[in-house]
Protein backbone atom coordinates (compact mmCIF):
# COMPACT_ATOMS: atom_id res chain seq x y z
CA MET A 1 -17.60 -2.78 4.43
CA GLN A 2 -18.12 -2.74 0.67
CA ARG A 3 -15.29 -1.62 -1.62
CA ALA A 4 -17.38 1.32 -2.85
CA GLN A 5 -17.61 2.65 0.72
CA LEU A 6 -13.89 2.53 1.51
CA ALA A 7 -12.69 5.93 0.29
CA ASP A 8 -15.50 7.73 2.12
CA ALA A 9 -15.07 5.72 5.33
CA VAL A 10 -11.38 6.40 6.00
CA ARG A 11 -9.95 9.40 7.83
CA TYR A 12 -7.25 11.10 5.79
CA ASP A 13 -4.55 13.31 7.35
CA ALA A 14 -4.25 17.06 6.70
CA ASN A 15 -2.56 16.29 3.35
CA GLY A 16 -5.37 13.98 2.23
CA LEU A 17 -3.28 10.84 2.80
CA ILE A 18 -3.68 7.64 4.78
CA PRO A 19 -0.80 5.24 5.62
CA ALA A 20 -1.05 1.82 4.02
CA ILE A 21 0.87 -1.08 5.55
CA ILE A 22 1.59 -3.65 2.84
CA VAL A 23 1.62 -7.31 3.97
CA SER A 24 2.28 -10.48 1.98
CA THR A 25 -0.55 -13.02 1.83
CA GLU A 26 2.13 -15.68 1.37
CA ASP A 27 3.56 -15.47 4.89
CA ASP A 28 2.22 -12.29 6.56
CA ALA A 29 5.56 -10.50 6.15
CA VAL A 30 5.39 -6.70 6.27
CA LEU A 31 6.70 -5.58 2.88
CA MET A 32 6.47 -1.78 2.95
CA LEU A 33 4.63 1.31 4.11
CA GLY A 34 3.13 3.64 1.55
CA TYR A 35 0.56 6.42 1.48
CA MET A 36 -2.71 6.52 -0.40
CA ASN A 37 -5.11 9.30 -1.21
CA ASP A 38 -8.67 8.90 -2.48
CA GLU A 39 -7.51 8.59 -6.09
CA ALA A 40 -4.90 5.93 -5.22
CA ILE A 41 -7.50 3.90 -3.34
CA GLN A 42 -9.93 4.10 -6.26
CA LYS A 43 -7.22 3.12 -8.78
CA THR A 44 -6.16 0.19 -6.59
CA LEU A 45 -9.74 -1.06 -6.32
CA GLU A 46 -10.36 -0.63 -10.07
CA THR A 47 -7.18 -2.39 -11.25
CA ASN A 48 -6.43 -4.76 -8.33
CA THR A 49 -2.84 -3.49 -8.57
CA VAL A 50 -1.71 -1.41 -5.59
CA THR A 51 -1.22 2.28 -6.36
CA PHE A 52 0.11 4.88 -3.94
CA TRP A 53 0.41 8.63 -3.74
CA SER A 54 4.14 9.38 -3.99
CA ARG A 55 4.96 12.22 -1.64
CA SER A 56 8.35 12.76 -3.29
CA LYS A 57 7.07 12.66 -6.88
CA GLY A 58 3.80 14.44 -6.10
CA ARG A 59 1.78 12.02 -8.22
CA LEU A 60 0.11 8.63 -8.30
CA TRP A 61 2.65 5.83 -8.35
CA MET A 62 1.89 2.22 -9.14
CA LYS A 63 4.37 0.02 -7.31
CA GLY A 64 6.37 -1.75 -10.00
CA GLU A 65 5.54 0.69 -12.80
CA SER A 66 9.18 0.65 -13.92
CA SER A 67 10.52 -2.59 -12.38
CA GLY A 68 7.52 -4.81 -13.07
CA ASN A 69 7.49 -5.84 -9.39
CA THR A 70 3.82 -5.06 -8.88
CA LEU A 71 1.64 -5.74 -5.86
CA GLU A 72 -1.61 -7.57 -6.62
CA LEU A 73 -4.42 -6.65 -4.25
CA GLU A 74 -5.90 -9.46 -2.18
CA SER A 75 -7.76 -7.45 0.50
CA ILE A 76 -7.87 -4.14 2.33
CA HIS A 77 -8.54 -3.78 6.05
CA VAL A 78 -9.29 -0.53 7.88
CA ASP A 79 -8.05 -0.08 11.45
CA CYS A 80 -10.38 0.72 14.36
CA ASP A 81 -9.74 4.49 14.12
CA GLN A 82 -10.16 4.42 10.33
CA ASP A 83 -6.84 6.27 9.90
CA ALA A 84 -4.64 3.43 8.61
CA LEU A 85 -4.97 0.65 6.07
CA LEU A 86 -3.60 -2.88 6.04
CA VAL A 87 -3.30 -4.01 2.43
CA ARG A 88 -2.75 -7.72 1.82
CA VAL A 89 -1.01 -8.46 -1.48
CA ARG A 90 0.66 -10.99 -3.73
CA ALA A 91 4.05 -9.51 -4.55
CA ASN A 92 5.39 -10.10 -8.05
CA GLY A 93 9.06 -9.88 -7.19
CA PRO A 94 10.99 -7.91 -4.58
CA THR A 95 9.03 -5.05 -3.03
CA CYS A 96 11.94 -2.80 -2.01
CA HIS A 97 13.75 -0.67 -4.59
CA THR A 98 17.02 -2.09 -3.16
CA GLY A 99 16.07 -5.53 -4.45
CA ASN A 100 15.16 -6.85 -1.00
CA ARG A 101 11.85 -8.63 -0.57
CA SER A 102 10.80 -6.17 2.15
CA CYS A 103 11.71 -2.56 2.83
CA PHE A 104 12.11 -3.58 6.49
CA PHE A 105 15.39 -5.50 6.21
CA THR A 106 17.48 -3.40 8.62
CA GLU A 107 17.21 -4.55 12.22
CA VAL A 108 18.07 -2.16 15.05
CA GLU A 109 20.33 -3.97 17.50
CA GLY A 110 21.37 -3.28 21.08
């Protein structure tokens, strides 16, 4: 699929969003889960810096816009149902706002 076809090919939810699983190209670690709308996808493709739709802020949000810990786009993959994205990135610093490399640092035990 060509980059120009991506936004039209995906199936957004009722709010116009699609989940985006962010994975490191360095070691395939899952770094975070974010949501993208059409505008966030287009901005990501134009700048090669991952941009999300922030559900809490109600606006576009470039990861690292205040911390500098941006996510550089390497590739985007669409799942078989076209309702989720896998975004492979080079992380420039910790991804989680807590300072952890990944947002998935809490393991459920037992």
